[in-house]
Amino acid sequence: MSKRPKLSSVGVDLGDLEAKPGSGGKVPAFHEQPSASVADGKHVKDKAVNMTVYLMPDDHKRLKMMAVSQDTTIQALVMDGLDVLLERNGQKPFTRWKPRKKPRS
């Protein structure tokens, strides 16, 4: 296993570096950013929010097998399940987008 080189060994002296006030650009707050629209041709991953779900291995396998048997994806099954939950609580379903992959044959 190799060690990281020390900054002094690569000729960098942090004392020589200087931060200049106002040299960075202002990043707008999340709520000030324009709303995302998937219709402009960009990939959904550039606009969507990522969410992680932890499953036990046996449950993941069952979900994967269900997706294969229904000729769909785990993503589609999860979205359908969340739509049922939303409907049960009087809310409209999630917004869908067109998949970039060709349908399975």
PDB file of N, CA and C in Angstrom:
ATOM      1  N   MET A   1       0.844  -1.161   0.000  1.00  0.00           N
ATOM      2  CA  MET A   1       0.000   0.000   0.000  1.00  0.00           C
ATOM      3  C   MET A   1       0.895   1.232   0.000  1.00  0.00           C
ATOM      4  N   SER A   2       0.623   2.154  -0.922  1.00  0.00           N
ATOM      5  CA  SER A   2       1.469   3.335  -1.014  1.00  0.00           C
ATOM      6  C   SER A   2       0.914   4.456  -0.144  1.00  0.00           C
ATOM      7  N   LYS A   3       1.814   5.284   0.328  1.00  0.00           N
ATOM      8  CA  LYS A   3       1.413   6.419   1.145  1.00  0.00           C
ATOM      9  C   LYS A   3       1.191   7.624   0.235  1.00  0.00           C
ATOM     10  N   ARG A   4       0.348   8.511   0.677  1.00  0.00           N
ATOM     11  CA  ARG A   4       0.155   9.761  -0.051  1.00  0.00           C
ATOM     12  C   ARG A   4       1.409  10.617   0.088  1.00  0.00           C
ATOM     13  N   PRO A   5       1.774  11.324  -0.973  1.00  0.00           N
ATOM     14  CA  PRO A   5       2.926  12.216  -0.830  1.00  0.00           C
ATOM     15  C   PRO A   5       2.528  13.437   0.005  1.00  0.00           C
ATOM     16  N   LYS A   6       3.463  13.936   0.777  1.00  0.00           N
ATOM     17  CA  LYS A   6       3.215  15.139   1.553  1.00  0.00           C
ATOM     18  C   LYS A   6       3.274  16.345   0.624  1.00  0.00           C
ATOM     19  N   LEU A   7       2.523  17.391   0.984  1.00  0.00           N
ATOM     20  CA  LEU A   7       2.516  18.586   0.141  1.00  0.00           C
ATOM     21  C   LEU A   7       3.917  19.162  -0.029  1.00  0.00           C
ATOM     22  N   SER A   8       4.717  19.071   1.023  1.00  0.00           N
ATOM     23  CA  SER A   8       6.067  19.626   0.935  1.00  0.00           C
ATOM     24  C   SER A   8       6.911  18.853  -0.070  1.00  0.00           C
ATOM     25  N   SER A   9       6.618  17.562  -0.256  1.00  0.00           N
ATOM     26  CA  SER A   9       7.417  16.752  -1.179  1.00  0.00           C
ATOM     27  C   SER A   9       7.074  17.033  -2.643  1.00  0.00           C
ATOM     28  N   VAL A  10       5.922  17.639  -2.908  1.00  0.00           N
ATOM     29  CA  VAL A  10       5.554  17.956  -4.296  1.00  0.00           C
ATOM     30  C   VAL A  10       5.752  19.438  -4.583  1.00  0.00           C
ATOM     31  N   GLY A  11       6.362  20.159  -3.661  1.00  0.00           N
ATOM     32  CA  GLY A  11       6.712  21.549  -3.901  1.00  0.00           C
ATOM     33  C   GLY A  11       5.590  22.546  -3.693  1.00  0.00           C
ATOM     34  N   VAL A  12       4.598  22.201  -2.880  1.00  0.00           N
ATOM     35  CA  VAL A  12       3.504  23.121  -2.605  1.00  0.00           C
ATOM     36  C   VAL A  12       3.668  23.671  -1.199  1.00  0.00           C
ATOM     37  N   ASP A  13       3.695  24.983  -1.090  1.00  0.00           N
ATOM     38  CA  ASP A  13       3.766  25.637   0.205  1.00  0.00           C
ATOM     39  C   ASP A  13       2.459  26.385   0.390  1.00  0.00           C
ATOM     40  N   LEU A  14       1.641  25.951   1.346  1.00  0.00           N
ATOM     41  CA  LEU A  14       0.335  26.555   1.552  1.00  0.00           C
ATOM     42  C   LEU A  14       0.441  28.016   1.950  1.00  0.00           C
ATOM     43  N   GLY A  15       1.576  28.436   2.465  1.00  0.00           N
ATOM     44  CA  GLY A  15       1.780  29.833   2.816  1.00  0.00           C
ATOM     45  C   GLY A  15       1.835  30.727   1.583  1.00  0.00           C
ATOM     46  N   ASP A  16       2.170  30.162   0.421  1.00  0.00           N
ATOM     47  CA  ASP A  16       2.233  30.945  -0.820  1.00  0.00           C
ATOM     48  C   ASP A  16       0.854  31.147  -1.447  1.00  0.00           C
ATOM     49  N   LEU A  17      -0.123  30.353  -1.024  1.00  0.00           N
ATOM     50  CA  LEU A  17      -1.456  30.449  -1.614  1.00  0.00           C
ATOM     51  C   LEU A  17      -2.251  31.540  -0.908  1.00  0.00           C
ATOM     52  N   GLU A  18      -3.030  32.263  -1.684  1.00  0.00           N
ATOM     53  CA  GLU A  18      -3.806  33.354  -1.110  1.00  0.00           C
ATOM     54  C   GLU A  18      -5.219  33.310  -1.690  1.00  0.00           C
ATOM     55  N   ALA A  19      -6.211  33.378  -0.815  1.00  0.00           N
ATOM     56  CA  ALA A  19      -7.602  33.447  -1.255  1.00  0.00           C
ATOM     57  C   ALA A  19      -7.983  34.907  -1.398  1.00  0.00           C
ATOM     58  N   LYS A  20      -8.578  35.230  -2.536  1.00  0.00           N
ATOM     59  CA  LYS A  20      -8.996  36.603  -2.776  1.00  0.00           C
ATOM     60  C   LYS A  20     -10.492  36.722  -2.531  1.00  0.00           C
ATOM     61  N   PRO A  21     -10.909  37.675  -1.692  1.00  0.00           N
ATOM     62  CA  PRO A  21     -12.339  37.845  -1.433  1.00  0.00           C
ATOM     63  C   PRO A  21     -13.102  38.128  -2.723  1.00  0.00           C
ATOM     64  N   GLY A  22     -14.253  37.482  -2.839  1.00  0.00           N
ATOM     65  CA  GLY A  22     -15.108  37.710  -4.004  1.00  0.00           C
ATOM     66  C   GLY A  22     -14.652  37.013  -5.263  1.00  0.00           C
ATOM     67  N   SER A  23     -13.646  36.122  -5.184  1.00  0.00           N
ATOM     68  CA  SER A  23     -13.155  35.462  -6.398  1.00  0.00           C
ATOM     69  C   SER A  23     -14.031  34.298  -6.833  1.00  0.00           C
ATOM     70  N   GLY A  24     -14.857  33.801  -5.911  1.00  0.00           N
ATOM     71  CA  GLY A  24     -15.760  32.701  -6.262  1.00  0.00           C
ATOM     72  C   GLY A  24     -17.099  33.233  -6.734  1.00  0.00           C
ATOM     73  N   GLY A  25     -17.785  32.459  -7.570  1.00  0.00           N
ATOM     74  CA  GLY A  25     -19.099  32.876  -8.047  1.00  0.00           C
ATOM     75  C   GLY A  25     -20.172  32.552  -7.027  1.00  0.00           C
ATOM     76  N   LYS A  26     -21.220  33.359  -6.992  1.00  0.00           N
ATOM     77  CA  LYS A  26     -22.321  33.120  -6.071  1.00  0.00           C
ATOM     78  C   LYS A  26     -23.178  31.973  -6.599  1.00  0.00           C
ATOM     79  N   VAL A  27     -23.433  31.020  -5.758  1.00  0.00           N
ATOM     80  CA  VAL A  27     -24.283  29.897  -6.116  1.00  0.00           C
ATOM     81  C   VAL A  27     -25.679  30.195  -5.594  1.00  0.00           C
ATOM     82  N   PRO A  28     -26.700  30.164  -6.474  1.00  0.00           N
ATOM     83  CA  PRO A  28     -28.048  30.463  -5.986  1.00  0.00           C
ATOM     84  C   PRO A  28     -28.532  29.382  -5.023  1.00  0.00           C
ATOM     85  N   ALA A  29     -29.331  29.793  -4.052  1.00  0.00           N
ATOM     86  CA  ALA A  29     -29.911  28.839  -3.110  1.00  0.00           C
ATOM     87  C   ALA A  29     -30.823  27.882  -3.871  1.00  0.00           C
ATOM     88  N   PHE A  30     -31.019  26.704  -3.294  1.00  0.00           N
ATOM     89  CA  PHE A  30     -31.813  25.670  -3.967  1.00  0.00           C
ATOM     90  C   PHE A  30     -33.195  26.185  -4.347  1.00  0.00           C
ATOM     91  N   HIS A  31     -33.841  26.914  -3.446  1.00  0.00           N
ATOM     92  CA  HIS A  31     -35.193  27.381  -3.712  1.00  0.00           C
ATOM     93  C   HIS A  31     -35.226  28.515  -4.734  1.00  0.00           C
ATOM     94  N   GLU A  32     -34.067  29.106  -5.065  1.00  0.00           N
ATOM     95  CA  GLU A  32     -34.007  30.167  -6.055  1.00  0.00           C
ATOM     96  C   GLU A  32     -33.679  29.647  -7.450  1.00  0.00           C
ATOM     97  N   GLN A  33     -33.322  28.386  -7.560  1.00  0.00           N
ATOM     98  CA  GLN A  33     -32.973  27.818  -8.857  1.00  0.00           C
ATOM     99  C   GLN A  33     -34.237  27.562  -9.659  1.00  0.00           C
ATOM    100  N   PRO A  34     -34.159  27.677 -10.990  1.00  0.00           N
ATOM    101  CA  PRO A  34     -35.346  27.426 -11.813  1.00  0.00           C
ATOM    102  C   PRO A  34     -35.803  25.977 -11.676  1.00  0.00           C
ATOM    103  N   SER A  35     -37.103  25.772 -11.782  1.00  0.00           N
ATOM    104  CA  SER A  35     -37.634  24.415 -11.650  1.00  0.00           C
ATOM    105  C   SER A  35     -37.212  23.574 -12.851  1.00  0.00           C
ATOM    106  N   ALA A  36     -37.011  22.293 -12.607  1.00  0.00           N
ATOM    107  CA  ALA A  36     -36.530  21.378 -13.638  1.00  0.00           C
ATOM    108  C   ALA A  36     -37.675  20.901 -14.517  1.00  0.00           C
ATOM    109  N   SER A  37     -37.423  20.862 -15.798  1.00  0.00           N
ATOM    110  CA  SER A  37     -38.382  20.340 -16.762  1.00  0.00           C
ATOM    111  C   SER A  37     -37.689  19.263 -17.572  1.00  0.00           C
ATOM    112  N   VAL A  38     -38.239  18.073 -17.572  1.00  0.00           N
ATOM    113  CA  VAL A  38     -37.614  16.960 -18.285  1.00  0.00           C
ATOM    114  C   VAL A  38     -37.883  17.073 -19.778  1.00  0.00           C
ATOM    115  N   ALA A  39     -38.819  17.920 -20.177  1.00  0.00           N
ATOM    116  CA  ALA A  39     -39.228  18.008 -21.576  1.00  0.00           C
ATOM    117  C   ALA A  39     -38.188  18.677 -22.464  1.00  0.00           C
ATOM    118  N   ASP A  40     -37.147  19.281 -21.916  1.00  0.00           N
ATOM    119  CA  ASP A  40     -36.197  20.000 -22.762  1.00  0.00           C
ATOM    120  C   ASP A  40     -35.137  19.090 -23.388  1.00  0.00           C
ATOM    121  N   GLY A  41     -35.298  17.785 -23.285  1.00  0.00           N
ATOM    122  CA  GLY A  41     -34.416  16.847 -23.970  1.00  0.00           C
ATOM    123  C   GLY A  41     -33.248  16.354 -23.141  1.00  0.00           C
ATOM    124  N   LYS A  42     -33.022  16.897 -21.968  1.00  0.00           N
ATOM    125  CA  LYS A  42     -31.936  16.416 -21.129  1.00  0.00           C
ATOM    126  C   LYS A  42     -32.353  15.117 -20.456  1.00  0.00           C
ATOM    127  N   HIS A  43     -31.368  14.381 -20.010  1.00  0.00           N
ATOM    128  CA  HIS A  43     -31.621  13.109 -19.350  1.00  0.00           C
ATOM    129  C   HIS A  43     -32.222  13.357 -17.978  1.00  0.00           C
ATOM    130  N   VAL A  44     -33.117  12.501 -17.551  1.00  0.00           N
ATOM    131  CA  VAL A  44     -33.815  12.680 -16.278  1.00  0.00           C
ATOM    132  C   VAL A  44     -32.844  12.709 -15.096  1.00  0.00           C
ATOM    133  N   LYS A  45     -31.733  12.004 -15.183  1.00  0.00           N
ATOM    134  CA  LYS A  45     -30.782  11.986 -14.072  1.00  0.00           C
ATOM    135  C   LYS A  45     -30.130  13.346 -13.865  1.00  0.00           C
ATOM    136  N   ASP A  46     -30.163  14.209 -14.896  1.00  0.00           N
ATOM    137  CA  ASP A  46     -29.634  15.561 -14.741  1.00  0.00           C
ATOM    138  C   ASP A  46     -30.586  16.442 -13.953  1.00  0.00           C
ATOM    139  N   LYS A  47     -31.836  16.020 -13.821  1.00  0.00           N
ATOM    140  CA  LYS A  47     -32.848  16.860 -13.194  1.00  0.00           C
ATOM    141  C   LYS A  47     -33.480  16.232 -11.958  1.00  0.00           C
ATOM    142  N   ALA A  48     -33.553  14.921 -11.897  1.00  0.00           N
ATOM    143  CA  ALA A  48     -34.260  14.236 -10.811  1.00  0.00           C
ATOM    144  C   ALA A  48     -33.414  14.192  -9.542  1.00  0.00           C
ATOM    145  N   VAL A  49     -34.076  13.967  -8.440  1.00  0.00           N
ATOM    146  CA  VAL A  49     -33.411  13.811  -7.147  1.00  0.00           C
ATOM    147  C   VAL A  49     -33.222  12.320  -6.898  1.00  0.00           C
ATOM    148  N   ASN A  50     -32.035  11.940  -6.493  1.00  0.00           N
ATOM    149  CA  ASN A  50     -31.726  10.547  -6.226  1.00  0.00           C
ATOM    150  C   ASN A  50     -32.198  10.175  -4.822  1.00  0.00           C
ATOM    151  N   MET A  51     -32.740   8.967  -4.688  1.00  0.00           N
ATOM    152  CA  MET A  51     -33.196   8.489  -3.389  1.00  0.00           C
ATOM    153  C   MET A  51     -32.717   7.046  -3.228  1.00  0.00           C
ATOM    154  N   THR A  52     -32.225   6.714  -2.060  1.00  0.00           N
ATOM    155  CA  THR A  52     -31.724   5.371  -1.793  1.00  0.00           C
ATOM    156  C   THR A  52     -32.688   4.633  -0.879  1.00  0.00           C
ATOM    157  N   VAL A  53     -32.929   3.374  -1.198  1.00  0.00           N
ATOM    158  CA  VAL A  53     -33.751   2.508  -0.359  1.00  0.00           C
ATOM    159  C   VAL A  53     -32.908   1.284  -0.027  1.00  0.00           C
ATOM    160  N   TYR A  54     -32.839   0.941   1.235  1.00  0.00           N
ATOM    161  CA  TYR A  54     -32.080  -0.232   1.661  1.00  0.00           C
ATOM    162  C   TYR A  54     -33.030  -1.406   1.828  1.00  0.00           C
ATOM    163  N   LEU A  55     -32.701  -2.519   1.186  1.00  0.00           N
ATOM    164  CA  LEU A  55     -33.499  -3.742   1.270  1.00  0.00           C
ATOM    165  C   LEU A  55     -32.615  -4.890   1.722  1.00  0.00           C
ATOM    166  N   MET A  56     -33.225  -5.833   2.387  1.00  0.00           N
ATOM    167  CA  MET A  56     -32.503  -7.060   2.723  1.00  0.00           C
ATOM    168  C   MET A  56     -32.291  -7.837   1.425  1.00  0.00           C
ATOM    169  N   PRO A  57     -31.218  -8.609   1.329  1.00  0.00           N
ATOM    170  CA  PRO A  57     -30.915  -9.306   0.078  1.00  0.00           C
ATOM    171  C   PRO A  57     -32.071 -10.160  -0.457  1.00  0.00           C
ATOM    172  N   ASP A  58     -32.759 -10.885   0.406  1.00  0.00           N
ATOM    173  CA  ASP A  58     -33.870 -11.718  -0.062  1.00  0.00           C
ATOM    174  C   ASP A  58     -35.014 -10.875  -0.615  1.00  0.00           C
ATOM    175  N   ASP A  59     -35.286  -9.733   0.014  1.00  0.00           N
ATOM    176  CA  ASP A  59     -36.340  -8.852  -0.476  1.00  0.00           C
ATOM    177  C   ASP A  59     -35.958  -8.225  -1.810  1.00  0.00           C
ATOM    178  N   HIS A  60     -34.695  -7.854  -1.955  1.00  0.00           N
ATOM    179  CA  HIS A  60     -34.223  -7.306  -3.226  1.00  0.00           C
ATOM    180  C   HIS A  60     -34.362  -8.338  -4.336  1.00  0.00           C
ATOM    181  N   LYS A  61     -34.013  -9.571  -4.021  1.00  0.00           N
ATOM    182  CA  LYS A  61     -34.121 -10.641  -5.011  1.00  0.00           C
ATOM    183  C   LYS A  61     -35.579 -10.853  -5.417  1.00  0.00           C
ATOM    184  N   ARG A  62     -36.498 -10.825  -4.436  1.00  0.00           N
ATOM    185  CA  ARG A  62     -37.923 -10.982  -4.763  1.00  0.00           C
ATOM    186  C   ARG A  62     -38.405  -9.860  -5.669  1.00  0.00           C
ATOM    187  N   LEU A  63     -37.979  -8.643  -5.376  1.00  0.00           N
ATOM    188  CA  LEU A  63     -38.379  -7.509  -6.193  1.00  0.00           C
ATOM    189  C   LEU A  63     -37.808  -7.611  -7.607  1.00  0.00           C
ATOM    190  N   LYS A  64     -36.561  -8.043  -7.696  1.00  0.00           N
ATOM    191  CA  LYS A  64     -35.927  -8.213  -9.003  1.00  0.00           C
ATOM    192  C   LYS A  64     -36.638  -9.301  -9.815  1.00  0.00           C
ATOM    193  N   MET A  65     -36.979 -10.395  -9.147  1.00  0.00           N
ATOM    194  CA  MET A  65     -37.690 -11.490  -9.832  1.00  0.00           C
ATOM    195  C   MET A  65     -39.078 -11.032 -10.302  1.00  0.00           C
ATOM    196  N   MET A  66     -39.748 -10.221  -9.483  1.00  0.00           N
ATOM    197  CA  MET A  66     -41.054  -9.699  -9.870  1.00  0.00           C
ATOM    198  C   MET A  66     -40.920  -8.809 -11.107  1.00  0.00           C
ATOM    199  N   ALA A  67     -39.893  -7.978 -11.136  1.00  0.00           N
ATOM    200  CA  ALA A  67     -39.675  -7.103 -12.291  1.00  0.00           C
ATOM    201  C   ALA A  67     -39.420  -7.922 -13.551  1.00  0.00           C
ATOM    202  N   VAL A  68     -38.612  -8.962 -13.435  1.00  0.00           N
ATOM    203  CA  VAL A  68     -38.329  -9.816 -14.591  1.00  0.00           C
ATOM    204  C   VAL A  68     -39.586 -10.528 -15.052  1.00  0.00           C
ATOM    205  N   SER A  69     -40.367 -11.070 -14.115  1.00  0.00           N
ATOM    206  CA  SER A  69     -41.573 -11.810 -14.490  1.00  0.00           C
ATOM    207  C   SER A  69     -42.619 -10.910 -15.134  1.00  0.00           C
ATOM    208  N   GLN A  70     -42.615  -9.607 -14.793  1.00  0.00           N
ATOM    209  CA  GLN A  70     -43.567  -8.664 -15.372  1.00  0.00           C
ATOM    210  C   GLN A  70     -42.965  -7.879 -16.535  1.00  0.00           C
ATOM    211  N   ASP A  71     -41.756  -8.258 -16.938  1.00  0.00           N
ATOM    212  CA  ASP A  71     -41.050  -7.616 -18.048  1.00  0.00           C
ATOM    213  C   ASP A  71     -40.979  -6.098 -17.853  1.00  0.00           C
ATOM    214  N   THR A  72     -40.546  -5.689 -16.658  1.00  0.00           N
ATOM    215  CA  THR A  72     -40.420  -4.270 -16.339  1.00  0.00           C
ATOM    216  C   THR A  72     -39.160  -4.074 -15.509  1.00  0.00           C
ATOM    217  N   THR A  73     -39.031  -2.926 -14.879  1.00  0.00           N
ATOM    218  CA  THR A  73     -37.854  -2.627 -14.061  1.00  0.00           C
ATOM    219  C   THR A  73     -38.258  -2.452 -12.600  1.00  0.00           C
ATOM    220  N   ILE A  74     -37.276  -2.562 -11.719  1.00  0.00           N
ATOM    221  CA  ILE A  74     -37.522  -2.302 -10.303  1.00  0.00           C
ATOM    222  C   ILE A  74     -37.971  -0.856 -10.129  1.00  0.00           C
ATOM    223  N   GLN A  75     -37.368   0.057 -10.882  1.00  0.00           N
ATOM    224  CA  GLN A  75     -37.747   1.474 -10.822  1.00  0.00           C
ATOM    225  C   GLN A  75     -39.240   1.644 -11.100  1.00  0.00           C
ATOM    226  N   ALA A  76     -39.746   0.978 -12.145  1.00  0.00           N
ATOM    227  CA  ALA A  76     -41.161   1.096 -12.498  1.00  0.00           C
ATOM    228  C   ALA A  76     -42.048   0.511 -11.400  1.00  0.00           C
ATOM    229  N   LEU A  77     -41.648  -0.611 -10.822  1.00  0.00           N
ATOM    230  CA  LEU A  77     -42.430  -1.217  -9.734  1.00  0.00           C
ATOM    231  C   LEU A  77     -42.487  -0.295  -8.518  1.00  0.00           C
ATOM    232  N   VAL A  78     -41.358   0.298  -8.170  1.00  0.00           N
ATOM    233  CA  VAL A  78     -41.306   1.192  -7.016  1.00  0.00           C
ATOM    234  C   VAL A  78     -42.171   2.426  -7.270  1.00  0.00           C
ATOM    235  N   MET A  79     -42.080   2.997  -8.470  1.00  0.00           N
ATOM    236  CA  MET A  79     -42.898   4.169  -8.801  1.00  0.00           C
ATOM    237  C   MET A  79     -44.390   3.826  -8.724  1.00  0.00           C
ATOM    238  N   ASP A  80     -44.764   2.635  -9.230  1.00  0.00           N
ATOM    239  CA  ASP A  80     -46.168   2.211  -9.154  1.00  0.00           C
ATOM    240  C   ASP A  80     -46.619   2.064  -7.704  1.00  0.00           C
ATOM    241  N   GLY A  81     -45.764   1.482  -6.876  1.00  0.00           N
ATOM    242  CA  GLY A  81     -46.102   1.324  -5.464  1.00  0.00           C
ATOM    243  C   GLY A  81     -46.253   2.658  -4.754  1.00  0.00           C
ATOM    244  N   LEU A  82     -45.396   3.601  -5.085  1.00  0.00           N
ATOM    245  CA  LEU A  82     -45.497   4.928  -4.482  1.00  0.00           C
ATOM    246  C   LEU A  82     -46.751   5.649  -4.959  1.00  0.00           C
ATOM    247  N   ASP A  83     -47.137   5.425  -6.213  1.00  0.00           N
ATOM    248  CA  ASP A  83     -48.380   6.013  -6.721  1.00  0.00           C
ATOM    249  C   ASP A  83     -49.591   5.492  -5.952  1.00  0.00           C
ATOM    250  N   VAL A  84     -49.583   4.198  -5.614  1.00  0.00           N
ATOM    251  CA  VAL A  84     -50.680   3.622  -4.822  1.00  0.00           C
ATOM    252  C   VAL A  84     -50.744   4.312  -3.457  1.00  0.00           C
ATOM    253  N   LEU A  85     -49.596   4.520  -2.843  1.00  0.00           N
ATOM    254  CA  LEU A  85     -49.537   5.193  -1.545  1.00  0.00           C
ATOM    255  C   LEU A  85     -50.052   6.633  -1.642  1.00  0.00           C
ATOM    256  N   LEU A  86     -49.640   7.338  -2.693  1.00  0.00           N
ATOM    257  CA  LEU A  86     -50.110   8.710  -2.891  1.00  0.00           C
ATOM    258  C   LEU A  86     -51.620   8.746  -3.111  1.00  0.00           C
ATOM    259  N   GLU A  87     -52.123   7.831  -3.950  1.00  0.00           N
ATOM    260  CA  GLU A  87     -53.560   7.778  -4.239  1.00  0.00           C
ATOM    261  C   GLU A  87     -54.352   7.512  -2.959  1.00  0.00           C
ATOM    262  N   ARG A  88     -53.838   6.620  -2.139  1.00  0.00           N
ATOM    263  CA  ARG A  88     -54.492   6.281  -0.877  1.00  0.00           C
ATOM    264  C   ARG A  88     -54.608   7.504   0.036  1.00  0.00           C
ATOM    265  N   ASN A  89     -53.686   8.454  -0.129  1.00  0.00           N
ATOM    266  CA  ASN A  89     -53.687   9.667   0.676  1.00  0.00           C
ATOM    267  C   ASN A  89     -54.240  10.872  -0.081  1.00  0.00           C
ATOM    268  N   GLY A  90     -54.977  10.609  -1.168  1.00  0.00           N
ATOM    269  CA  GLY A  90     -55.660  11.667  -1.900  1.00  0.00           C
ATOM    270  C   GLY A  90     -54.768  12.585  -2.707  1.00  0.00           C
ATOM    271  N   GLN A  91     -53.607  12.097  -3.106  1.00  0.00           N
ATOM    272  CA  GLN A  91     -52.686  12.918  -3.892  1.00  0.00           C
ATOM    273  C   GLN A  91     -52.536  12.362  -5.293  1.00  0.00           C
ATOM    274  N   LYS A  92     -52.099  13.217  -6.214  1.00  0.00           N
ATOM    275  CA  LYS A  92     -51.921  12.776  -7.602  1.00  0.00           C
ATOM    276  C   LYS A  92     -50.634  11.950  -7.724  1.00  0.00           C
ATOM    277  N   PRO A  93     -50.542  11.103  -8.761  1.00  0.00           N
ATOM    278  CA  PRO A  93     -49.346  10.256  -8.935  1.00  0.00           C
ATOM    279  C   PRO A  93     -48.115  11.088  -9.295  1.00  0.00           C
ATOM    280  N   PHE A  94     -46.964  10.454  -9.174  1.00  0.00           N
ATOM    281  CA  PHE A  94     -45.703  11.103  -9.523  1.00  0.00           C
ATOM    282  C   PHE A  94     -45.631  11.383 -11.014  1.00  0.00           C
ATOM    283  N   THR A  95     -44.823  12.384 -11.379  1.00  0.00           N
ATOM    284  CA  THR A  95     -44.569  12.706 -12.779  1.00  0.00           C
ATOM    285  C   THR A  95     -43.679  11.626 -13.377  1.00  0.00           C
ATOM    286  N   ARG A  96     -44.034  11.156 -14.545  1.00  0.00           N
ATOM    287  CA  ARG A  96     -43.230  10.132 -15.238  1.00  0.00           C
ATOM    288  C   ARG A  96     -42.447  10.784 -16.370  1.00  0.00           C
ATOM    289  N   TRP A  97     -41.430  10.086 -16.826  1.00  0.00           N
ATOM    290  CA  TRP A  97     -40.637  10.513 -17.968  1.00  0.00           C
ATOM    291  C   TRP A  97     -40.464   9.330 -18.891  1.00  0.00           C
ATOM    292  N   LYS A  98     -40.118   9.616 -20.114  1.00  0.00           N
ATOM    293  CA  LYS A  98     -39.904   8.530 -21.072  1.00  0.00           C
ATOM    294  C   LYS A  98     -38.544   7.909 -20.798  1.00  0.00           C
ATOM    295  N   PRO A  99     -38.483   6.574 -20.718  1.00  0.00           N
ATOM    296  CA  PRO A  99     -37.187   5.935 -20.488  1.00  0.00           C
ATOM    297  C   PRO A  99     -36.286   6.095 -21.708  1.00  0.00           C
ATOM    298  N   ARG A 100     -34.984   6.202 -21.480  1.00  0.00           N
ATOM    299  CA  ARG A 100     -34.070   6.350 -22.609  1.00  0.00           C
ATOM    300  C   ARG A 100     -33.709   5.002 -23.224  1.00  0.00           C
ATOM    301  N   LYS A 101     -33.922   3.929 -22.489  1.00  0.00           N
ATOM    302  CA  LYS A 101     -33.612   2.600 -23.014  1.00  0.00           C
ATOM    303  C   LYS A 101     -34.765   2.075 -23.849  1.00  0.00           C
ATOM    304  N   LYS A 102     -34.405   1.258 -24.798  1.00  0.00           N
ATOM    305  CA  LYS A 102     -35.432   0.613 -25.614  1.00  0.00           C
ATOM    306  C   LYS A 102     -36.153  -0.430 -24.770  1.00  0.00           C
ATOM    307  N   PRO A 103     -37.450  -0.643 -25.010  1.00  0.00           N
ATOM    308  CA  PRO A 103     -38.155  -1.689 -24.243  1.00  0.00           C
ATOM    309  C   PRO A 103     -37.564  -3.064 -24.517  1.00  0.00           C
ATOM    310  N   ARG A 104     -37.663  -3.912 -23.514  1.00  0.00           N
ATOM    311  CA  ARG A 104     -37.146  -5.281 -23.671  1.00  0.00           C
ATOM    312  C   ARG A 104     -37.975  -6.021 -24.694  1.00  0.00           C
ATOM    313  N   SER A 105     -37.329  -6.921 -25.417  1.00  0.00           N
ATOM    314  CA  SER A 105     -38.075  -7.703 -26.417  1.00  0.00           C
ATOM    315  C   SER A 105     -38.127  -9.160 -26.053  1.00  0.00           C
TER     316      SER A 105
END
